[in-house]
Amino acid sequence: MRSIVKTAAVALGGIALAVSGQGIAGAATTATTSTTPVPSCVTAQASYFFNTLVAVTNGCSTQQSVRVNFGPSTNQCVVLQAGQTTTVTEPDFFWFTGLTTC
């Protein structure tokens, strides 16, 4: 019985270490993303219902590369043609924090 408990404790410790390592790597990646705001002709409308949905519209006359930022540390880069609208989705525990350039 003790060997089962020890094995389980080692396995859980390894899982916790792996998860914390991924969190550290993710935080380092996020810190290097752009903070340059998008042009005012690019707009976003967020809605929250089971998931966070962000409709991003490019009202500019040229193609735009836009990073849709979600808290605490995730983001998605999308390329929008002039006049195009797309919806970016994340689980509801990630909230929309704004747009920056890719």
PDB file of N, CA and C in Angstrom:
ATOM      1  N   MET A   1       0.825  -1.196   0.000  1.00  0.00           N
ATOM      2  CA  MET A   1       0.000   0.000   0.000  1.00  0.00           C
ATOM      3  C   MET A   1       0.869   1.261   0.000  1.00  0.00           C
ATOM      4  N   ARG A   2       1.941   1.245   0.814  1.00  0.00           N
ATOM      5  CA  ARG A   2       2.813   2.417   0.866  1.00  0.00           C
ATOM      6  C   ARG A   2       3.474   2.686  -0.483  1.00  0.00           C
ATOM      7  N   SER A   3       3.832   1.620  -1.203  1.00  0.00           N
ATOM      8  CA  SER A   3       4.479   1.828  -2.501  1.00  0.00           C
ATOM      9  C   SER A   3       3.504   2.455  -3.502  1.00  0.00           C
ATOM     10  N   ILE A   4       2.228   2.141  -3.412  1.00  0.00           N
ATOM     11  CA  ILE A   4       1.227   2.751  -4.289  1.00  0.00           C
ATOM     12  C   ILE A   4       1.103   4.238  -3.977  1.00  0.00           C
ATOM     13  N   VAL A   5       1.080   4.568  -2.694  1.00  0.00           N
ATOM     14  CA  VAL A   5       0.968   5.972  -2.291  1.00  0.00           C
ATOM     15  C   VAL A   5       2.207   6.742  -2.740  1.00  0.00           C
ATOM     16  N   LYS A   6       3.378   6.161  -2.573  1.00  0.00           N
ATOM     17  CA  LYS A   6       4.613   6.824  -2.999  1.00  0.00           C
ATOM     18  C   LYS A   6       4.629   7.025  -4.515  1.00  0.00           C
ATOM     19  N   THR A   7       4.217   6.009  -5.244  1.00  0.00           N
ATOM     20  CA  THR A   7       4.179   6.112  -6.705  1.00  0.00           C
ATOM     21  C   THR A   7       3.220   7.201  -7.148  1.00  0.00           C
ATOM     22  N   ALA A   8       2.048   7.255  -6.522  1.00  0.00           N
ATOM     23  CA  ALA A   8       1.061   8.285  -6.858  1.00  0.00           C
ATOM     24  C   ALA A   8       1.606   9.677  -6.540  1.00  0.00           C
ATOM     25  N   ALA A   9       2.289   9.809  -5.401  1.00  0.00           N
ATOM     26  CA  ALA A   9       2.841  11.110  -5.017  1.00  0.00           C
ATOM     27  C   ALA A   9       3.903  11.564  -6.006  1.00  0.00           C
ATOM     28  N   VAL A  10       4.754  10.654  -6.450  1.00  0.00           N
ATOM     29  CA  VAL A  10       5.787  10.997  -7.429  1.00  0.00           C
ATOM     30  C   VAL A  10       5.147  11.395  -8.758  1.00  0.00           C
ATOM     31  N   ALA A  11       4.133  10.647  -9.178  1.00  0.00           N
ATOM     32  CA  ALA A  11       3.456  10.952 -10.441  1.00  0.00           C
ATOM     33  C   ALA A  11       2.778  12.314 -10.376  1.00  0.00           C
ATOM     34  N   LEU A  12       2.082  12.599  -9.293  1.00  0.00           N
ATOM     35  CA  LEU A  12       1.420  13.895  -9.156  1.00  0.00           C
ATOM     36  C   LEU A  12       2.428  15.031  -9.090  1.00  0.00           C
ATOM     37  N   GLY A  13       3.544  14.805  -8.421  1.00  0.00           N
ATOM     38  CA  GLY A  13       4.596  15.826  -8.371  1.00  0.00           C
ATOM     39  C   GLY A  13       5.165  16.107  -9.753  1.00  0.00           C
ATOM     40  N   GLY A  14       5.345  15.061 -10.552  1.00  0.00           N
ATOM     41  CA  GLY A  14       5.845  15.239 -11.916  1.00  0.00           C
ATOM     42  C   GLY A  14       4.857  16.000 -12.788  1.00  0.00           C
ATOM     43  N   ILE A  15       3.578  15.699 -12.622  1.00  0.00           N
ATOM     44  CA  ILE A  15       2.556  16.417 -13.380  1.00  0.00           C
ATOM     45  C   ILE A  15       2.551  17.888 -12.986  1.00  0.00           C
ATOM     46  N   ALA A  16       2.602  18.178 -11.703  1.00  0.00           N
ATOM     47  CA  ALA A  16       2.613  19.568 -11.239  1.00  0.00           C
ATOM     48  C   ALA A  16       3.835  20.309 -11.777  1.00  0.00           C
ATOM     49  N   LEU A  17       4.975  19.664 -11.794  1.00  0.00           N
ATOM     50  CA  LEU A  17       6.189  20.285 -12.324  1.00  0.00           C
ATOM     51  C   LEU A  17       6.061  20.555 -13.818  1.00  0.00           C
ATOM     52  N   ALA A  18       5.516  19.608 -14.555  1.00  0.00           N
ATOM     53  CA  ALA A  18       5.342  19.798 -16.003  1.00  0.00           C
ATOM     54  C   ALA A  18       4.395  20.946 -16.297  1.00  0.00           C
ATOM     55  N   VAL A  19       3.307  21.020 -15.564  1.00  0.00           N
ATOM     56  CA  VAL A  19       2.332  22.093 -15.778  1.00  0.00           C
ATOM     57  C   VAL A  19       2.941  23.448 -15.436  1.00  0.00           C
ATOM     58  N   SER A  20       3.662  23.532 -14.341  1.00  0.00           N
ATOM     59  CA  SER A  20       4.260  24.823 -13.965  1.00  0.00           C
ATOM     60  C   SER A  20       5.323  25.240 -14.973  1.00  0.00           C
ATOM     61  N   GLY A  21       6.040  24.297 -15.556  1.00  0.00           N
ATOM     62  CA  GLY A  21       7.033  24.618 -16.571  1.00  0.00           C
ATOM     63  C   GLY A  21       6.398  25.185 -17.825  1.00  0.00           C
ATOM     64  N   GLN A  22       5.242  24.639 -18.217  1.00  0.00           N
ATOM     65  CA  GLN A  22       4.548  25.162 -19.383  1.00  0.00           C
ATOM     66  C   GLN A  22       4.048  26.561 -19.121  1.00  0.00           C
ATOM     67  N   GLY A  23       3.593  26.826 -17.912  1.00  0.00           N
ATOM     68  CA  GLY A  23       3.125  28.166 -17.569  1.00  0.00           C
ATOM     69  C   GLY A  23       4.241  29.187 -17.651  1.00  0.00           C
ATOM     70  N   ILE A  24       5.425  28.808 -17.211  1.00  0.00           N
ATOM     71  CA  ILE A  24       6.572  29.707 -17.265  1.00  0.00           C
ATOM     72  C   ILE A  24       6.950  29.970 -18.722  1.00  0.00           C
ATOM     73  N   ALA A  25       6.962  28.924 -19.547  1.00  0.00           N
ATOM     74  CA  ALA A  25       7.304  29.104 -20.957  1.00  0.00           C
ATOM     75  C   ALA A  25       6.265  29.973 -21.648  1.00  0.00           C
ATOM     76  N   GLY A  26       4.998  29.782 -21.348  1.00  0.00           N
ATOM     77  CA  GLY A  26       3.939  30.593 -21.947  1.00  0.00           C
ATOM     78  C   GLY A  26       4.068  32.054 -21.567  1.00  0.00           C
ATOM     79  N   ALA A  27       4.414  32.320 -20.321  1.00  0.00           N
ATOM     80  CA  ALA A  27       4.563  33.702 -19.874  1.00  0.00           C
ATOM     81  C   ALA A  27       5.723  34.380 -20.591  1.00  0.00           C
ATOM     82  N   ALA A  28       6.800  33.651 -20.822  1.00  0.00           N
ATOM     83  CA  ALA A  28       7.941  34.227 -21.518  1.00  0.00           C
ATOM     84  C   ALA A  28       7.590  34.557 -22.966  1.00  0.00           C
ATOM     85  N   THR A  29       6.805  33.700 -23.607  1.00  0.00           N
ATOM     86  CA  THR A  29       6.402  33.942 -24.990  1.00  0.00           C
ATOM     87  C   THR A  29       5.504  35.166 -25.077  1.00  0.00           C
ATOM     88  N   THR A  30       4.575  35.302 -24.154  1.00  0.00           N
ATOM     89  CA  THR A  30       3.638  36.414 -24.190  1.00  0.00           C
ATOM     90  C   THR A  30       4.344  37.745 -23.982  1.00  0.00           C
ATOM     91  N   ALA A  31       5.383  37.760 -23.171  1.00  0.00           N
ATOM     92  CA  ALA A  31       6.066  39.014 -22.862  1.00  0.00           C
ATOM     93  C   ALA A  31       6.712  39.642 -24.095  1.00  0.00           C
ATOM     94  N   THR A  32       6.960  38.856 -25.140  1.00  0.00           N
ATOM     95  CA  THR A  32       7.637  39.389 -26.314  1.00  0.00           C
ATOM     96  C   THR A  32       6.672  39.848 -27.407  1.00  0.00           C
ATOM     97  N   THR A  33       5.371  39.807 -27.170  1.00  0.00           N
ATOM     98  CA  THR A  33       4.416  40.200 -28.203  1.00  0.00           C
ATOM     99  C   THR A  33       4.338  41.711 -28.332  1.00  0.00           C
ATOM    100  N   SER A  34       3.824  42.148 -29.469  1.00  0.00           N
ATOM    101  CA  SER A  34       3.727  43.571 -29.778  1.00  0.00           C
ATOM    102  C   SER A  34       2.725  44.281 -28.878  1.00  0.00           C
ATOM    103  N   THR A  35       3.023  45.519 -28.575  1.00  0.00           N
ATOM    104  CA  THR A  35       2.078  46.363 -27.836  1.00  0.00           C
ATOM    105  C   THR A  35       1.628  47.540 -28.684  1.00  0.00           C
ATOM    106  N   THR A  36       1.965  47.498 -29.982  1.00  0.00           N
ATOM    107  CA  THR A  36       1.576  48.570 -30.894  1.00  0.00           C
ATOM    108  C   THR A  36       0.079  48.486 -31.157  1.00  0.00           C
ATOM    109  N   PRO A  37      -0.651  49.576 -30.922  1.00  0.00           N
ATOM    110  CA  PRO A  37      -2.097  49.531 -31.150  1.00  0.00           C
ATOM    111  C   PRO A  37      -2.421  49.406 -32.633  1.00  0.00           C
ATOM    112  N   VAL A  38      -3.587  48.853 -32.917  1.00  0.00           N
ATOM    113  CA  VAL A  38      -4.037  48.740 -34.305  1.00  0.00           C
ATOM    114  C   VAL A  38      -4.622  50.076 -34.752  1.00  0.00           C
ATOM    115  N   PRO A  39      -4.746  50.292 -36.059  1.00  0.00           N
ATOM    116  CA  PRO A  39      -5.378  51.531 -36.540  1.00  0.00           C
ATOM    117  C   PRO A  39      -6.829  51.618 -36.049  1.00  0.00           C
ATOM    118  N   SER A  40      -7.341  52.820 -35.964  1.00  0.00           N
ATOM    119  CA  SER A  40      -8.699  53.020 -35.452  1.00  0.00           C
ATOM    120  C   SER A  40      -9.771  52.435 -36.367  1.00  0.00           C
ATOM    121  N   CYS A  41      -9.416  52.109 -37.604  1.00  0.00           N
ATOM    122  CA  CYS A  41     -10.394  51.510 -38.519  1.00  0.00           C
ATOM    123  C   CYS A  41     -10.586  50.015 -38.264  1.00  0.00           C
ATOM    124  N   VAL A  42      -9.797  49.420 -37.361  1.00  0.00           N
ATOM    125  CA  VAL A  42      -9.984  48.029 -36.955  1.00  0.00           C
ATOM    126  C   VAL A  42     -10.719  48.048 -35.620  1.00  0.00           C
ATOM    127  N   THR A  43     -11.854  47.361 -35.574  1.00  0.00           N
ATOM    128  CA  THR A  43     -12.683  47.374 -34.364  1.00  0.00           C
ATOM    129  C   THR A  43     -12.939  45.955 -33.865  1.00  0.00           C
ATOM    130  N   ALA A  44     -13.314  45.868 -32.595  1.00  0.00           N
ATOM    131  CA  ALA A  44     -13.622  44.571 -31.995  1.00  0.00           C
ATOM    132  C   ALA A  44     -14.844  44.699 -31.099  1.00  0.00           C
ATOM    133  N   GLN A  45     -15.655  43.654 -31.097  1.00  0.00           N
ATOM    134  CA  GLN A  45     -16.836  43.592 -30.240  1.00  0.00           C
ATOM    135  C   GLN A  45     -16.803  42.247 -29.530  1.00  0.00           C
ATOM    136  N   ALA A  46     -16.683  42.272 -28.194  1.00  0.00           N
ATOM    137  CA  ALA A  46     -16.611  41.037 -27.413  1.00  0.00           C
ATOM    138  C   ALA A  46     -17.971  40.679 -26.848  1.00  0.00           C
ATOM    139  N   SER A  47     -18.232  39.374 -26.788  1.00  0.00           N
ATOM    140  CA  SER A  47     -19.426  38.874 -26.109  1.00  0.00           C
ATOM    141  C   SER A  47     -19.017  37.652 -25.296  1.00  0.00           C
ATOM    142  N   TYR A  48     -19.705  37.434 -24.210  1.00  0.00           N
ATOM    143  CA  TYR A  48     -19.351  36.380 -23.272  1.00  0.00           C
ATOM    144  C   TYR A  48     -20.576  35.504 -23.027  1.00  0.00           C
ATOM    145  N   PHE A  49     -20.524  34.250 -23.509  1.00  0.00           N
ATOM    146  CA  PHE A  49     -21.587  33.296 -23.273  1.00  0.00           C
ATOM    147  C   PHE A  49     -20.995  31.903 -23.460  1.00  0.00           C
ATOM    148  N   PHE A  50     -20.622  31.260 -22.387  1.00  0.00           N
ATOM    149  CA  PHE A  50     -19.929  29.978 -22.365  1.00  0.00           C
ATOM    150  C   PHE A  50     -18.505  30.089 -22.906  1.00  0.00           C
ATOM    151  N   ASN A  51     -18.292  30.911 -23.914  1.00  0.00           N
ATOM    152  CA  ASN A  51     -16.973  31.194 -24.470  1.00  0.00           C
ATOM    153  C   ASN A  51     -16.835  32.703 -24.617  1.00  0.00           C
ATOM    154  N   THR A  52     -15.612  33.166 -24.780  1.00  0.00           N
ATOM    155  CA  THR A  52     -15.379  34.565 -25.103  1.00  0.00           C
ATOM    156  C   THR A  52     -15.285  34.656 -26.619  1.00  0.00           C
ATOM    157  N   LEU A  53     -16.209  35.389 -27.223  1.00  0.00           N
ATOM    158  CA  LEU A  53     -16.244  35.566 -28.677  1.00  0.00           C
ATOM    159  C   LEU A  53     -15.895  37.006 -28.988  1.00  0.00           C
ATOM    160  N   VAL A  54     -14.945  37.215 -29.872  1.00  0.00           N
ATOM    161  CA  VAL A  54     -14.560  38.568 -30.263  1.00  0.00           C
ATOM    162  C   VAL A  54     -14.685  38.676 -31.779  1.00  0.00           C
ATOM    163  N   ALA A  55     -15.608  39.531 -32.225  1.00  0.00           N
ATOM    164  CA  ALA A  55     -15.766  39.811 -33.652  1.00  0.00           C
ATOM    165  C   ALA A  55     -14.853  40.976 -34.001  1.00  0.00           C
ATOM    166  N   VAL A  56     -13.896  40.724 -34.877  1.00  0.00           N
ATOM    167  CA  VAL A  56     -12.921  41.743 -35.283  1.00  0.00           C
ATOM    168  C   VAL A  56     -13.217  42.136 -36.723  1.00  0.00           C
ATOM    169  N   THR A  57     -13.358  43.440 -36.970  1.00  0.00           N
ATOM    170  CA  THR A  57     -13.672  43.951 -38.300  1.00  0.00           C
ATOM    171  C   THR A  57     -12.573  44.886 -38.774  1.00  0.00           C
ATOM    172  N   ASN A  58     -12.119  44.661 -40.002  1.00  0.00           N
ATOM    173  CA  ASN A  58     -11.136  45.538 -40.617  1.00  0.00           C
ATOM    174  C   ASN A  58     -11.882  46.532 -41.506  1.00  0.00           C
ATOM    175  N   GLY A  59     -12.062  47.744 -41.018  1.00  0.00           N
ATOM    176  CA  GLY A  59     -12.698  48.802 -41.790  1.00  0.00           C
ATOM    177  C   GLY A  59     -11.706  49.623 -42.589  1.00  0.00           C
ATOM    178  N   CYS A  60     -10.453  49.194 -42.601  1.00  0.00           N
ATOM    179  CA  CYS A  60      -9.398  49.910 -43.339  1.00  0.00           C
ATOM    180  C   CYS A  60      -9.458  49.541 -44.824  1.00  0.00           C
ATOM    181  N   SER A  61      -8.751  50.285 -45.637  1.00  0.00           N
ATOM    182  CA  SER A  61      -8.701  50.003 -47.074  1.00  0.00           C
ATOM    183  C   SER A  61      -7.569  49.046 -47.431  1.00  0.00           C
ATOM    184  N   THR A  62      -6.791  48.613 -46.426  1.00  0.00           N
ATOM    185  CA  THR A  62      -5.674  47.694 -46.651  1.00  0.00           C
ATOM    186  C   THR A  62      -5.765  46.510 -45.700  1.00  0.00           C
ATOM    187  N   GLN A  63      -5.034  45.455 -46.016  1.00  0.00           N
ATOM    188  CA  GLN A  63      -4.954  44.268 -45.159  1.00  0.00           C
ATOM    189  C   GLN A  63      -4.316  44.630 -43.823  1.00  0.00           C
ATOM    190  N   GLN A  64      -4.798  44.042 -42.722  1.00  0.00           N
ATOM    191  CA  GLN A  64      -4.253  44.298 -41.387  1.00  0.00           C
ATOM    192  C   GLN A  64      -3.964  42.982 -40.681  1.00  0.00           C
ATOM    193  N   SER A  65      -2.831  42.909 -39.985  1.00  0.00           N
ATOM    194  CA  SER A  65      -2.501  41.778 -39.121  1.00  0.00           C
ATOM    195  C   SER A  65      -2.776  42.211 -37.693  1.00  0.00           C
ATOM    196  N   VAL A  66      -3.688  41.520 -37.039  1.00  0.00           N
ATOM    197  CA  VAL A  66      -4.190  41.942 -35.741  1.00  0.00           C
ATOM    198  C   VAL A  66      -4.020  40.821 -34.722  1.00  0.00           C
ATOM    199  N   ARG A  67      -3.512  41.162 -33.563  1.00  0.00           N
ATOM    200  CA  ARG A  67      -3.410  40.202 -32.461  1.00  0.00           C
ATOM    201  C   ARG A  67      -4.574  40.471 -31.512  1.00  0.00           C
ATOM    202  N   VAL A  68      -5.408  39.443 -31.325  1.00  0.00           N
ATOM    203  CA  VAL A  68      -6.535  39.534 -30.398  1.00  0.00           C
ATOM    204  C   VAL A  68      -6.025  39.016 -29.060  1.00  0.00           C
ATOM    205  N   ASN A  69      -5.939  39.900 -28.078  1.00  0.00           N
ATOM    206  CA  ASN A  69      -5.343  39.560 -26.781  1.00  0.00           C
ATOM    207  C   ASN A  69      -6.412  39.160 -25.773  1.00  0.00           C
ATOM    208  N   PHE A  70      -6.132  38.068 -25.079  1.00  0.00           N
ATOM    209  CA  PHE A  70      -7.010  37.559 -24.040  1.00  0.00           C
ATOM    210  C   PHE A  70      -6.206  37.463 -22.749  1.00  0.00           C
ATOM    211  N   GLY A  71      -6.844  37.740 -21.611  1.00  0.00           N
ATOM    212  CA  GLY A  71      -6.173  37.589 -20.324  1.00  0.00           C
ATOM    213  C   GLY A  71      -6.343  36.176 -19.833  1.00  0.00           C
ATOM    214  N   PRO A  72      -5.445  35.704 -19.078  1.00  0.00           N
ATOM    215  CA  PRO A  72      -4.285  36.392 -18.567  1.00  0.00           C
ATOM    216  C   PRO A  72      -3.090  36.393 -19.517  1.00  0.00           C
ATOM    217  N   SER A  73      -2.964  35.408 -20.408  1.00  0.00           N
ATOM    218  CA  SER A  73      -1.718  35.393 -21.177  1.00  0.00           C
ATOM    219  C   SER A  73      -1.841  34.745 -22.551  1.00  0.00           C
ATOM    220  N   THR A  74      -2.999  34.683 -23.122  1.00  0.00           N
ATOM    221  CA  THR A  74      -3.142  34.037 -24.425  1.00  0.00           C
ATOM    222  C   THR A  74      -3.535  35.064 -25.478  1.00  0.00           C
ATOM    223  N   ASN A  75      -3.197  34.804 -26.722  1.00  0.00           N
ATOM    224  CA  ASN A  75      -3.580  35.701 -27.799  1.00  0.00           C
ATOM    225  C   ASN A  75      -3.554  34.951 -29.121  1.00  0.00           C
ATOM    226  N   GLN A  76      -4.252  35.504 -30.098  1.00  0.00           N
ATOM    227  CA  GLN A  76      -4.304  34.905 -31.428  1.00  0.00           C
ATOM    228  C   GLN A  76      -4.069  35.993 -32.465  1.00  0.00           C
ATOM    229  N   CYS A  77      -3.262  35.688 -33.470  1.00  0.00           N
ATOM    230  CA  CYS A  77      -3.001  36.635 -34.541  1.00  0.00           C
ATOM    231  C   CYS A  77      -3.852  36.253 -35.748  1.00  0.00           C
ATOM    232  N   VAL A  78      -4.543  37.236 -36.321  1.00  0.00           N
ATOM    233  CA  VAL A  78      -5.362  37.009 -37.504  1.00  0.00           C
ATOM    234  C   VAL A  78      -4.997  38.044 -38.566  1.00  0.00           C
ATOM    235  N   VAL A  79      -5.100  37.649 -39.814  1.00  0.00           N
ATOM    236  CA  VAL A  79      -4.872  38.559 -40.928  1.00  0.00           C
ATOM    237  C   VAL A  79      -6.231  38.816 -41.570  1.00  0.00           C
ATOM    238  N   LEU A  80      -6.604  40.093 -41.636  1.00  0.00           N
ATOM    239  CA  LEU A  80      -7.904  40.487 -42.172  1.00  0.00           C
ATOM    240  C   LEU A  80      -7.731  41.295 -43.448  1.00  0.00           C
ATOM    241  N   GLN A  81      -8.454  40.904 -44.481  1.00  0.00           N
ATOM    242  CA  GLN A  81      -8.490  41.693 -45.707  1.00  0.00           C
ATOM    243  C   GLN A  81      -9.367  42.922 -45.469  1.00  0.00           C
ATOM    244  N   ALA A  82      -9.252  43.913 -46.310  1.00  0.00           N
ATOM    245  CA  ALA A  82     -10.069  45.124 -46.183  1.00  0.00           C
ATOM    246  C   ALA A  82     -11.548  44.737 -46.187  1.00  0.00           C
ATOM    247  N   GLY A  83     -12.295  45.217 -45.196  1.00  0.00           N
ATOM    248  CA  GLY A  83     -13.722  44.950 -45.088  1.00  0.00           C
ATOM    249  C   GLY A  83     -14.089  43.623 -44.462  1.00  0.00           C
ATOM    250  N   GLN A  84     -13.131  42.795 -44.139  1.00  0.00           N
ATOM    251  CA  GLN A  84     -13.397  41.462 -43.596  1.00  0.00           C
ATOM    252  C   GLN A  84     -13.689  41.505 -42.101  1.00  0.00           C
ATOM    253  N   THR A  85     -14.592  40.611 -41.661  1.00  0.00           N
ATOM    254  CA  THR A  85     -14.873  40.404 -40.241  1.00  0.00           C
ATOM    255  C   THR A  85     -14.636  38.936 -39.927  1.00  0.00           C
ATOM    256  N   THR A  86     -14.011  38.673 -38.795  1.00  0.00           N
ATOM    257  CA  THR A  86     -13.818  37.301 -38.345  1.00  0.00           C
ATOM    258  C   THR A  86     -14.108  37.243 -36.850  1.00  0.00           C
ATOM    259  N   THR A  87     -14.446  36.058 -36.363  1.00  0.00           N
ATOM    260  CA  THR A  87     -14.713  35.870 -34.934  1.00  0.00           C
ATOM    261  C   THR A  87     -13.653  34.965 -34.346  1.00  0.00           C
ATOM    262  N   VAL A  88     -13.046  35.404 -33.258  1.00  0.00           N
ATOM    263  CA  VAL A  88     -12.025  34.649 -32.541  1.00  0.00           C
ATOM    264  C   VAL A  88     -12.653  34.181 -31.235  1.00  0.00           C
ATOM    265  N   THR A  89     -12.454  32.907 -30.896  1.00  0.00           N
ATOM    266  CA  THR A  89     -13.102  32.304 -29.726  1.00  0.00           C
ATOM    267  C   THR A  89     -12.068  31.749 -28.761  1.00  0.00           C
ATOM    268  N   GLU A  90     -12.289  31.971 -27.478  1.00  0.00           N
ATOM    269  CA  GLU A  90     -11.497  31.383 -26.403  1.00  0.00           C
ATOM    270  C   GLU A  90     -12.454  30.902 -25.326  1.00  0.00           C
ATOM    271  N   PRO A  91     -12.027  29.980 -24.467  1.00  0.00           N
ATOM    272  CA  PRO A  91     -12.887  29.562 -23.352  1.00  0.00           C
ATOM    273  C   PRO A  91     -13.275  30.760 -22.484  1.00  0.00           C
ATOM    274  N   ASP A  92     -14.389  30.648 -21.781  1.00  0.00           N
ATOM    275  CA  ASP A  92     -14.925  31.802 -21.047  1.00  0.00           C
ATOM    276  C   ASP A  92     -14.043  32.294 -19.910  1.00  0.00           C
ATOM    277  N   PHE A  93     -13.054  31.508 -19.468  1.00  0.00           N
ATOM    278  CA  PHE A  93     -12.189  32.008 -18.397  1.00  0.00           C
ATOM    279  C   PHE A  93     -11.076  32.899 -18.933  1.00  0.00           C
ATOM    280  N   PHE A  94     -10.992  33.077 -20.259  1.00  0.00           N
ATOM    281  CA  PHE A  94     -10.090  34.061 -20.858  1.00  0.00           C
ATOM    282  C   PHE A  94     -10.922  35.264 -21.288  1.00  0.00           C
ATOM    283  N   TRP A  95     -10.603  36.433 -20.801  1.00  0.00           N
ATOM    284  CA  TRP A  95     -11.364  37.635 -21.139  1.00  0.00           C
ATOM    285  C   TRP A  95     -10.602  38.440 -22.182  1.00  0.00           C
ATOM    286  N   PHE A  96     -11.344  39.158 -23.019  1.00  0.00           N
ATOM    287  CA  PHE A  96     -10.770  39.988 -24.081  1.00  0.00           C
ATOM    288  C   PHE A  96     -10.127  41.213 -23.460  1.00  0.00           C
ATOM    289  N   THR A  97      -8.858  41.475 -23.811  1.00  0.00           N
ATOM    290  CA  THR A  97      -8.145  42.616 -23.234  1.00  0.00           C
ATOM    291  C   THR A  97      -7.756  43.683 -24.258  1.00  0.00           C
ATOM    292  N   GLY A  98      -7.945  43.419 -25.557  1.00  0.00           N
ATOM    293  CA  GLY A  98      -7.659  44.446 -26.545  1.00  0.00           C
ATOM    294  C   GLY A  98      -7.008  43.896 -27.800  1.00  0.00           C
ATOM    295  N   LEU A  99      -6.704  44.817 -28.708  1.00  0.00           N
ATOM    296  CA  LEU A  99      -6.077  44.494 -29.989  1.00  0.00           C
ATOM    297  C   LEU A  99      -4.717  45.159 -30.089  1.00  0.00           C
ATOM    298  N   THR A 100      -3.756  44.460 -30.659  1.00  0.00           N
ATOM    299  CA  THR A 100      -2.456  45.022 -30.992  1.00  0.00           C
ATOM    300  C   THR A 100      -2.061  44.476 -32.362  1.00  0.00           C
ATOM    301  N   THR A 101      -0.976  44.976 -32.915  1.00  0.00           N
ATOM    302  CA  THR A 101      -0.506  44.441 -34.202  1.00  0.00           C
ATOM    303  C   THR A 101       0.270  43.158 -33.984  1.00  0.00           C
ATOM    304  N   CYS A 102       0.329  42.322 -35.018  1.00  0.00           N
ATOM    305  CA  CYS A 102       1.098  41.066 -34.940  1.00  0.00           C
ATOM    306  C   CYS A 102       2.552  41.327 -35.245  1.00  0.00           C
TER     307      CYS A 102
END
